[in-house]
Amino acid sequence: MKHLFKLLAVILFFLNNGVSGVDSDEVSVMEGDSVTLIYAETNKQDDTQDDIKWYFNYTQIAEIIGNHTKIYTDKQGKERFRNRLKVNQTGSLTITNITTSDSGLYELQITSRNNEKIFNVTVNGVSTAEQDEMKRKSVKEGESVTLDPGLIKKPNDTMKWHFNDVLIAEFTEDQNKICTDDLCDGRFRDRLKLDHQTGSLTITNTRTTDSGDYQLQIINSQSSIIRSFGITVTINVSGLSAGAIAGICFGVFLLDALIGGVCQFCR
């Protein structure tokens, strides 16, 4: 019976709004991503404040009037998205750390202009092992590492790679850019490679200073998706020279002898 009511609600919704009259976009994201459903204000011709309302599967979840934003709760007083929902002053809706249960229809209504837009959001599940692999990669100094977003770049996608919130690489349909020495302070000089089809980023000859948080931002006219990665670069002991290893061993020997002498003196 519950499924029947949902089906009737969907049918009534499209009968009321007209399938051909509603702008609809398909958005596919991966579990754990942050996604922004973009509302681009292009036709405003006066100073009238828009009344912007957001619905998830036909239940209102947010509203913004002027400078006032309200996130709605359910009948039990609980917020459906548990502090993972934000609406900015342009009317765009952001969902952080998205889950598979967030899949569904998101409807934007601008009542002051009688405009509507629908986003059909699909959240693809990711196993715990895959999430761990994406969240933190561990490599030894000198090795290469590839951060793969697991997608195929669309023609209208702009992709931006950030390292600790600093832009390090960017490419669009007609060009690609890798950070200049002025922007990145020479950190990744000649060590970054971009895959034009998948958007993956490869760092060659890694250094311990490459450890940190990396984010890929995928931007188009419908949405902005942020996918997060992490890299830990550890010192490669096997890569040390024979002299360096001998020095370390001699230092350990001296330290052991010193500790033994102190203990003997105390006795």
C-alpha atoms as a PDB file:
ATOM      1  CA  MET A   1       0.000   0.000   0.000  1.00  0.00           C
ATOM      2  CA  LYS A   2       2.857   2.400   0.832  1.00  0.00           C
ATOM      3  CA  HIS A   3       4.419   1.817  -2.599  1.00  0.00           C
ATOM      4  CA  LEU A   4       1.047   2.465  -4.249  1.00  0.00           C
ATOM      5  CA  PHE A   5       0.773   5.850  -2.539  1.00  0.00           C
ATOM      6  CA  LYS A   6       4.298   6.746  -3.660  1.00  0.00           C
ATOM      7  CA  LEU A   7       3.456   5.786  -7.242  1.00  0.00           C
ATOM      8  CA  LEU A   8       0.300   7.891  -7.163  1.00  0.00           C
ATOM      9  CA  ALA A   9       2.288  10.822  -5.758  1.00  0.00           C
ATOM     10  CA  VAL A  10       4.764  10.591  -8.650  1.00  0.00           C
ATOM     11  CA  ILE A  11       1.944  10.435 -11.219  1.00  0.00           C
ATOM     12  CA  LEU A  12       0.122  13.401  -9.675  1.00  0.00           C
ATOM     13  CA  PHE A  13       3.342  15.380  -9.503  1.00  0.00           C
ATOM     14  CA  PHE A  14       4.018  15.077 -13.208  1.00  0.00           C
ATOM     15  CA  LEU A  15       0.364  15.648 -14.094  1.00  0.00           C
ATOM     16  CA  ASN A  16       0.382  18.886 -12.113  1.00  0.00           C
ATOM     17  CA  ASN A  17       3.703  20.146 -13.436  1.00  0.00           C
ATOM     18  CA  GLY A  18       3.756  18.720 -16.918  1.00  0.00           C
ATOM     19  CA  VAL A  19       6.650  16.480 -17.878  1.00  0.00           C
ATOM     20  CA  SER A  20       7.687  18.656 -20.828  1.00  0.00           C
ATOM     21  CA  GLY A  21       7.532  21.879 -18.828  1.00  0.00           C
ATOM     22  CA  VAL A  22       9.946  20.912 -16.063  1.00  0.00           C
ATOM     23  CA  ASP A  23      13.684  21.103 -16.531  1.00  0.00           C
ATOM     24  CA  SER A  24      15.244  17.834 -15.344  1.00  0.00           C
ATOM     25  CA  ASP A  25      18.920  16.896 -14.862  1.00  0.00           C
ATOM     26  CA  GLU A  26      20.572  13.550 -14.114  1.00  0.00           C
ATOM     27  CA  VAL A  27      23.306  13.664 -11.465  1.00  0.00           C
ATOM     28  CA  SER A  28      25.375  10.584 -10.585  1.00  0.00           C
ATOM     29  CA  VAL A  29      27.691  10.644  -7.567  1.00  0.00           C
ATOM     30  CA  MET A  30      29.646   8.206  -5.434  1.00  0.00           C
ATOM     31  CA  GLU A  31      28.862   7.467  -1.799  1.00  0.00           C
ATOM     32  CA  GLY A  32      30.894   9.788   0.409  1.00  0.00           C
ATOM     33  CA  ASP A  33      31.056  12.610  -2.153  1.00  0.00           C
ATOM     34  CA  SER A  34      29.834  16.137  -1.550  1.00  0.00           C
ATOM     35  CA  VAL A  35      27.502  17.408  -4.268  1.00  0.00           C
ATOM     36  CA  THR A  36      26.061  20.831  -5.032  1.00  0.00           C
ATOM     37  CA  LEU A  37      22.897  21.021  -7.141  1.00  0.00           C
ATOM     38  CA  ILE A  38      23.349  24.285  -8.991  1.00  0.00           C
ATOM     39  CA  TYR A  39      20.659  26.888  -9.449  1.00  0.00           C
ATOM     40  CA  ALA A  40      21.971  29.516 -11.864  1.00  0.00           C
ATOM     41  CA  GLU A  41      20.054  32.765 -11.591  1.00  0.00           C
ATOM     42  CA  THR A  42      20.021  34.033 -15.155  1.00  0.00           C
ATOM     43  CA  ASN A  43      16.646  35.717 -15.757  1.00  0.00           C
ATOM     44  CA  LYS A  44      16.213  37.997 -12.774  1.00  0.00           C
ATOM     45  CA  GLN A  45      15.325  41.494 -13.988  1.00  0.00           C
ATOM     46  CA  ASP A  46      14.205  43.254 -10.811  1.00  0.00           C
ATOM     47  CA  ASP A  47      15.042  43.485  -7.130  1.00  0.00           C
ATOM     48  CA  THR A  48      12.298  41.082  -6.010  1.00  0.00           C
ATOM     49  CA  GLN A  49      13.598  38.562  -3.492  1.00  0.00           C
ATOM     50  CA  ASP A  50      13.126  35.000  -4.646  1.00  0.00           C
ATOM     51  CA  ASP A  51      11.333  32.492  -2.447  1.00  0.00           C
ATOM     52  CA  ILE A  52      13.390  29.356  -3.089  1.00  0.00           C
ATOM     53  CA  LYS A  53      12.148  25.965  -1.886  1.00  0.00           C
ATOM     54  CA  TRP A  54      13.852  22.585  -2.086  1.00  0.00           C
ATOM     55  CA  TYR A  55      12.024  19.225  -1.927  1.00  0.00           C
ATOM     56  CA  PHE A  56      13.371  15.688  -1.622  1.00  0.00           C
ATOM     57  CA  ASN A  57      10.977  13.034  -2.948  1.00  0.00           C
ATOM     58  CA  TYR A  58       8.154  15.625  -2.632  1.00  0.00           C
ATOM     59  CA  THR A  59       8.911  16.496   1.011  1.00  0.00           C
ATOM     60  CA  GLN A  60      10.180  20.022   1.677  1.00  0.00           C
ATOM     61  CA  ILE A  61      13.703  20.016   3.105  1.00  0.00           C
ATOM     62  CA  ALA A  62      14.882  23.632   2.795  1.00  0.00           C
ATOM     63  CA  GLU A  63      13.764  27.171   2.022  1.00  0.00           C
ATOM     64  CA  ILE A  64      15.496  30.485   1.540  1.00  0.00           C
ATOM     65  CA  ILE A  65      13.772  33.876   1.549  1.00  0.00           C
ATOM     66  CA  GLY A  66      16.076  36.853   1.234  1.00  0.00           C
ATOM     67  CA  ASN A  67      18.875  36.294   3.734  1.00  0.00           C
ATOM     68  CA  HIS A  68      16.929  33.782   5.819  1.00  0.00           C
ATOM     69  CA  THR A  69      17.533  30.052   5.355  1.00  0.00           C
ATOM     70  CA  LYS A  70      15.507  27.297   6.970  1.00  0.00           C
ATOM     71  CA  ILE A  71      16.266  23.553   7.019  1.00  0.00           C
ATOM     72  CA  TYR A  72      13.104  21.539   7.637  1.00  0.00           C
ATOM     73  CA  THR A  73      12.751  18.553   9.959  1.00  0.00           C
ATOM     74  CA  ASP A  74      10.408  15.582   9.707  1.00  0.00           C
ATOM     75  CA  LYS A  75       7.316  15.014  11.848  1.00  0.00           C
ATOM     76  CA  GLN A  76       9.479  13.598  14.665  1.00  0.00           C
ATOM     77  CA  GLY A  77      11.577  16.775  14.705  1.00  0.00           C
ATOM     78  CA  LYS A  78      14.592  15.077  13.144  1.00  0.00           C
ATOM     79  CA  GLU A  79      16.531  16.521  10.256  1.00  0.00           C
ATOM     80  CA  ARG A  80      16.530  14.112   7.336  1.00  0.00           C
ATOM     81  CA  PHE A  81      20.118  14.911   6.357  1.00  0.00           C
ATOM     82  CA  ARG A  82      21.646  15.285   9.856  1.00  0.00           C
ATOM     83  CA  ASN A  83      23.498  18.578   9.396  1.00  0.00           C
ATOM     84  CA  ARG A  84      24.681  17.568   5.914  1.00  0.00           C
ATOM     85  CA  LEU A  85      22.499  20.076   4.066  1.00  0.00           C
ATOM     86  CA  LYS A  86      23.352  23.656   3.099  1.00  0.00           C
ATOM     87  CA  VAL A  87      21.656  26.248   0.891  1.00  0.00           C
ATOM     88  CA  ASN A  88      23.674  29.236  -0.243  1.00  0.00           C
ATOM     89  CA  GLN A  89      22.373  32.682  -1.186  1.00  0.00           C
ATOM     90  CA  THR A  90      22.212  31.749  -4.879  1.00  0.00           C
ATOM     91  CA  GLY A  91      19.739  28.975  -4.043  1.00  0.00           C
ATOM     92  CA  SER A  92      22.090  26.075  -4.803  1.00  0.00           C
ATOM     93  CA  LEU A  93      21.769  23.048  -2.525  1.00  0.00           C
ATOM     94  CA  THR A  94      24.811  21.212  -1.116  1.00  0.00           C
ATOM     95  CA  ILE A  95      24.733  17.715   0.405  1.00  0.00           C
ATOM     96  CA  THR A  96      27.927  16.611   2.138  1.00  0.00           C
ATOM     97  CA  ASN A  97      29.056  13.014   2.734  1.00  0.00           C
ATOM     98  CA  ILE A  98      26.192  11.747   0.599  1.00  0.00           C
ATOM     99  CA  THR A  99      24.760   8.247   1.203  1.00  0.00           C
ATOM    100  CA  THR A 100      22.803   5.791  -0.945  1.00  0.00           C
ATOM    101  CA  SER A 101      19.629   6.656   0.982  1.00  0.00           C
ATOM    102  CA  ASP A 102      19.952  10.199  -0.412  1.00  0.00           C
ATOM    103  CA  SER A 103      19.206   8.938  -3.937  1.00  0.00           C
ATOM    104  CA  GLY A 104      15.994  10.342  -5.367  1.00  0.00           C
ATOM    105  CA  LEU A 105      14.305  13.374  -6.879  1.00  0.00           C
ATOM    106  CA  TYR A 106      15.293  16.850  -5.718  1.00  0.00           C
ATOM    107  CA  GLU A 107      12.912  19.587  -6.808  1.00  0.00           C
ATOM    108  CA  LEU A 108      13.752  23.273  -6.824  1.00  0.00           C
ATOM    109  CA  GLN A 109      10.864  25.748  -6.824  1.00  0.00           C
ATOM    110  CA  ILE A 110      11.251  29.511  -7.265  1.00  0.00           C
ATOM    111  CA  THR A 111       7.750  30.663  -6.374  1.00  0.00           C
ATOM    112  CA  SER A 112       8.331  34.347  -7.152  1.00  0.00           C
ATOM    113  CA  ARG A 113       8.994  33.445 -10.799  1.00  0.00           C
ATOM    114  CA  ASN A 114       6.982  30.234 -11.039  1.00  0.00           C
ATOM    115  CA  ASN A 115      10.103  28.302 -12.077  1.00  0.00           C
ATOM    116  CA  GLU A 116      10.924  24.690 -11.323  1.00  0.00           C
ATOM    117  CA  LYS A 117      13.869  22.382 -11.821  1.00  0.00           C
ATOM    118  CA  ILE A 118      14.288  18.697 -10.992  1.00  0.00           C
ATOM    119  CA  PHE A 119      17.508  16.820 -10.263  1.00  0.00           C
ATOM    120  CA  ASN A 120      17.418  13.024 -10.381  1.00  0.00           C
ATOM    121  CA  VAL A 121      20.303  12.114  -8.066  1.00  0.00           C
ATOM    122  CA  THR A 122      21.761   8.598  -8.098  1.00  0.00           C
ATOM    123  CA  VAL A 123      24.240   7.692  -5.350  1.00  0.00           C
ATOM    124  CA  ASN A 124      26.420   4.709  -6.240  1.00  0.00           C
ATOM    125  CA  GLY A 125      27.387   2.563  -3.267  1.00  0.00           C
ATOM    126  CA  VAL A 126      31.046   2.018  -2.424  1.00  0.00           C
ATOM    127  CA  SER A 127      32.384  -0.837  -0.304  1.00  0.00           C
ATOM    128  CA  THR A 128      34.299  -0.104   2.892  1.00  0.00           C
ATOM    129  CA  ALA A 129      37.511  -1.358   1.295  1.00  0.00           C
ATOM    130  CA  GLU A 130      37.041   0.965  -1.684  1.00  0.00           C
ATOM    131  CA  GLN A 131      36.304   3.913   0.580  1.00  0.00           C
ATOM    132  CA  ASP A 132      39.460   3.234   2.596  1.00  0.00           C
ATOM    133  CA  GLU A 133      41.487   2.928  -0.611  1.00  0.00           C
ATOM    134  CA  MET A 134      40.213   6.301  -1.831  1.00  0.00           C
ATOM    135  CA  LYS A 135      40.486   8.064   1.504  1.00  0.00           C
ATOM    136  CA  ARG A 136      44.119   7.232   2.210  1.00  0.00           C
ATOM    137  CA  LYS A 137      46.824   5.792  -0.039  1.00  0.00           C
ATOM    138  CA  SER A 138      50.194   4.905   1.467  1.00  0.00           C
ATOM    139  CA  VAL A 139      53.320   4.859  -0.697  1.00  0.00           C
ATOM    140  CA  LYS A 140      57.057   4.926  -0.154  1.00  0.00           C
ATOM    141  CA  GLU A 141      59.113   7.953  -1.056  1.00  0.00           C
ATOM    142  CA  GLY A 142      60.174   7.842  -4.710  1.00  0.00           C
ATOM    143  CA  GLU A 143      57.226   5.717  -5.858  1.00  0.00           C
ATOM    144  CA  SER A 144      54.413   6.912  -8.130  1.00  0.00           C
ATOM    145  CA  VAL A 145      50.794   7.108  -7.010  1.00  0.00           C
ATOM    146  CA  THR A 146      47.585   7.590  -9.023  1.00  0.00           C
ATOM    147  CA  LEU A 147      44.376   9.118  -7.672  1.00  0.00           C
ATOM    148  CA  ASP A 148      41.585   7.677  -9.826  1.00  0.00           C
ATOM    149  CA  PRO A 149      38.079   9.167  -9.473  1.00  0.00           C
ATOM    150  CA  GLY A 150      36.560   6.145 -11.215  1.00  0.00           C
ATOM    151  CA  LEU A 151      34.660   7.992 -13.943  1.00  0.00           C
ATOM    152  CA  ILE A 152      34.807   9.078 -17.560  1.00  0.00           C
ATOM    153  CA  LYS A 153      35.165  12.798 -18.135  1.00  0.00           C
ATOM    154  CA  LYS A 154      32.200  14.342 -19.971  1.00  0.00           C
ATOM    155  CA  PRO A 155      32.794  16.974 -22.676  1.00  0.00           C
ATOM    156  CA  ASN A 156      31.355  19.839 -20.600  1.00  0.00           C
ATOM    157  CA  ASP A 157      33.074  18.867 -17.333  1.00  0.00           C
ATOM    158  CA  THR A 158      35.706  21.082 -15.759  1.00  0.00           C
ATOM    159  CA  MET A 159      37.976  19.201 -13.344  1.00  0.00           C
ATOM    160  CA  LYS A 160      40.106  20.837 -10.686  1.00  0.00           C
ATOM    161  CA  TRP A 161      42.596  19.070  -8.425  1.00  0.00           C
ATOM    162  CA  HIS A 162      43.482  20.663  -5.071  1.00  0.00           C
ATOM    163  CA  PHE A 163      46.205  19.735  -2.582  1.00  0.00           C
ATOM    164  CA  ASN A 164      45.568  21.021   0.942  1.00  0.00           C
ATOM    165  CA  ASP A 165      43.101  23.548  -0.576  1.00  0.00           C
ATOM    166  CA  VAL A 166      45.639  24.820  -3.146  1.00  0.00           C
ATOM    167  CA  LEU A 167      44.811  24.397  -6.865  1.00  0.00           C
ATOM    168  CA  ILE A 168      47.463  22.193  -8.486  1.00  0.00           C
ATOM    169  CA  ALA A 169      45.859  21.053 -11.754  1.00  0.00           C
ATOM    170  CA  GLU A 170      42.877  21.916 -13.926  1.00  0.00           C
ATOM    171  CA  PHE A 171      41.551  20.866 -17.279  1.00  0.00           C
ATOM    172  CA  THR A 172      38.487  21.558 -19.416  1.00  0.00           C
ATOM    173  CA  GLU A 173      37.325  20.273 -22.777  1.00  0.00           C
ATOM    174  CA  ASP A 174      39.748  22.446 -24.716  1.00  0.00           C
ATOM    175  CA  GLN A 175      42.770  22.831 -22.438  1.00  0.00           C
ATOM    176  CA  ASN A 176      44.562  21.486 -19.404  1.00  0.00           C
ATOM    177  CA  LYS A 177      46.686  23.296 -16.879  1.00  0.00           C
ATOM    178  CA  ILE A 178      49.201  22.065 -14.353  1.00  0.00           C
ATOM    179  CA  CYS A 179      50.193  24.434 -11.600  1.00  0.00           C
ATOM    180  CA  THR A 180      53.006  26.867 -12.234  1.00  0.00           C
ATOM    181  CA  ASP A 181      55.996  27.176  -9.944  1.00  0.00           C
ATOM    182  CA  ASP A 182      54.637  30.507  -8.710  1.00  0.00           C
ATOM    183  CA  LEU A 183      51.333  28.920  -7.685  1.00  0.00           C
ATOM    184  CA  CYS A 184      52.705  25.729  -6.178  1.00  0.00           C
ATOM    185  CA  ASP A 185      56.096  27.015  -5.059  1.00  0.00           C
ATOM    186  CA  GLY A 186      57.768  24.352  -7.196  1.00  0.00           C
ATOM    187  CA  ARG A 187      56.364  21.553  -5.029  1.00  0.00           C
ATOM    188  CA  PHE A 188      55.213  19.330  -7.906  1.00  0.00           C
ATOM    189  CA  ARG A 189      57.604  20.539 -10.596  1.00  0.00           C
ATOM    190  CA  ASP A 190      57.346  18.172 -13.587  1.00  0.00           C
ATOM    191  CA  ARG A 191      55.868  15.424 -11.376  1.00  0.00           C
ATOM    192  CA  LEU A 192      52.139  15.666 -12.207  1.00  0.00           C
ATOM    193  CA  LYS A 193      50.316  13.829 -14.990  1.00  0.00           C
ATOM    194  CA  LEU A 194      46.639  14.093 -15.942  1.00  0.00           C
ATOM    195  CA  ASP A 195      44.519  11.524 -17.743  1.00  0.00           C
ATOM    196  CA  HIS A 196      42.251  13.430 -20.137  1.00  0.00           C
ATOM    197  CA  GLN A 197      39.628  10.669 -20.253  1.00  0.00           C
ATOM    198  CA  THR A 198      39.246   9.688 -16.602  1.00  0.00           C
ATOM    199  CA  GLY A 199      40.482  12.826 -14.854  1.00  0.00           C
ATOM    200  CA  SER A 200      42.913  10.784 -12.765  1.00  0.00           C
ATOM    201  CA  LEU A 201      46.003  12.461 -11.324  1.00  0.00           C
ATOM    202  CA  THR A 202      49.394  10.742 -11.107  1.00  0.00           C
ATOM    203  CA  ILE A 203      52.234  12.011  -8.920  1.00  0.00           C
ATOM    204  CA  THR A 204      55.648  10.639  -9.836  1.00  0.00           C
ATOM    205  CA  ASN A 205      58.768  10.467  -7.652  1.00  0.00           C
ATOM    206  CA  THR A 206      56.741  11.169  -4.515  1.00  0.00           C
ATOM    207  CA  ARG A 207      58.182  12.990  -1.510  1.00  0.00           C
ATOM    208  CA  THR A 208      57.169  13.077   2.123  1.00  0.00           C
ATOM    209  CA  THR A 209      56.012  16.673   1.565  1.00  0.00           C
ATOM    210  CA  ASP A 210      53.363  15.289  -0.825  1.00  0.00           C
ATOM    211  CA  SER A 211      51.498  13.758   2.139  1.00  0.00           C
ATOM    212  CA  GLY A 212      48.141  15.399   2.718  1.00  0.00           C
ATOM    213  CA  ASP A 213      44.571  15.799   1.488  1.00  0.00           C
ATOM    214  CA  TYR A 214      43.669  15.906  -2.201  1.00  0.00           C
ATOM    215  CA  GLN A 215      40.296  16.867  -3.647  1.00  0.00           C
ATOM    216  CA  LEU A 216      38.884  16.566  -7.144  1.00  0.00           C
ATOM    217  CA  GLN A 217      36.138  19.040  -8.039  1.00  0.00           C
ATOM    218  CA  ILE A 218      33.985  18.116 -11.054  1.00  0.00           C
ATOM    219  CA  ILE A 219      31.969  21.086 -12.300  1.00  0.00           C
ATOM    220  CA  ASN A 220      29.288  21.422 -14.968  1.00  0.00           C
ATOM    221  CA  SER A 221      26.125  23.462 -15.434  1.00  0.00           C
ATOM    222  CA  GLN A 222      24.004  21.101 -13.288  1.00  0.00           C
ATOM    223  CA  SER A 223      26.226  20.207 -10.365  1.00  0.00           C
ATOM    224  CA  SER A 224      29.551  20.448  -8.599  1.00  0.00           C
ATOM    225  CA  ILE A 225      30.919  17.225  -7.103  1.00  0.00           C
ATOM    226  CA  ILE A 226      33.841  16.983  -4.687  1.00  0.00           C
ATOM    227  CA  ARG A 227      35.668  13.664  -4.305  1.00  0.00           C
ATOM    228  CA  SER A 228      38.281  13.409  -1.540  1.00  0.00           C
ATOM    229  CA  PHE A 229      41.541  11.449  -1.379  1.00  0.00           C
ATOM    230  CA  GLY A 230      44.521  11.267   0.945  1.00  0.00           C
ATOM    231  CA  ILE A 231      48.162  10.324   0.491  1.00  0.00           C
ATOM    232  CA  THR A 232      50.761   9.331   3.074  1.00  0.00           C
ATOM    233  CA  VAL A 233      54.340   9.160   1.797  1.00  0.00           C
ATOM    234  CA  THR A 234      56.726   7.301   4.089  1.00  0.00           C
ATOM    235  CA  ILE A 235      60.523   7.335   4.056  1.00  0.00           C
ATOM    236  CA  ASN A 236      61.925   4.583   1.866  1.00  0.00           C
ATOM    237  CA  VAL A 237      64.652   3.065   4.075  1.00  0.00           C
ATOM    238  CA  SER A 238      65.697   0.626   1.342  1.00  0.00           C
ATOM    239  CA  GLY A 239      66.500   3.577  -0.865  1.00  0.00           C
ATOM    240  CA  LEU A 240      69.145   4.959   1.493  1.00  0.00           C
ATOM    241  CA  SER A 241      72.768   4.765   0.456  1.00  0.00           C
ATOM    242  CA  ALA A 242      75.144   2.275   2.075  1.00  0.00           C
ATOM    243  CA  GLY A 243      76.956   5.134   3.824  1.00  0.00           C
ATOM    244  CA  ALA A 244      73.684   6.499   5.239  1.00  0.00           C
ATOM    245  CA  ILE A 245      72.703   3.059   6.546  1.00  0.00           C
ATOM    246  CA  ALA A 246      76.163   2.564   8.074  1.00  0.00           C
ATOM    247  CA  GLY A 247      75.863   5.961   9.750  1.00  0.00           C
ATOM    248  CA  ILE A 248      72.481   5.086  11.217  1.00  0.00           C
ATOM    249  CA  CYS A 249      73.791   1.745  12.525  1.00  0.00           C
ATOM    250  CA  PHE A 250      76.861   3.423  14.084  1.00  0.00           C
ATOM    251  CA  GLY A 251      74.581   6.018  15.716  1.00  0.00           C
ATOM    252  CA  VAL A 252      72.384   3.290  17.164  1.00  0.00           C
ATOM    253  CA  PHE A 253      75.521   1.491  18.474  1.00  0.00           C
ATOM    254  CA  LEU A 254      76.786   4.646  20.185  1.00  0.00           C
ATOM    255  CA  LEU A 255      73.380   5.341  21.701  1.00  0.00           C
ATOM    256  CA  ASP A 256      73.162   1.788  23.032  1.00  0.00           C
ATOM    257  CA  ALA A 257      76.675   2.051  24.508  1.00  0.00           C
ATOM    258  CA  LEU A 258      75.819   5.384  26.123  1.00  0.00           C
ATOM    259  CA  ILE A 259      72.643   4.028  27.698  1.00  0.00           C
ATOM    260  CA  GLY A 260      74.555   0.977  28.979  1.00  0.00           C
ATOM    261  CA  GLY A 261      77.248   3.208  30.510  1.00  0.00           C
ATOM    262  CA  VAL A 262      74.676   5.377  32.278  1.00  0.00           C
ATOM    263  CA  CYS A 263      72.919   2.319  33.694  1.00  0.00           C
ATOM    264  CA  GLN A 264      76.246   0.906  34.914  1.00  0.00           C
ATOM    265  CA  PHE A 265      77.138   4.229  36.528  1.00  0.00           C
ATOM    266  CA  CYS A 266      73.803   4.382  38.350  1.00  0.00           C
ATOM    267  CA  ARG A 267      74.358   0.922  39.776  1.00  0.00           C
END
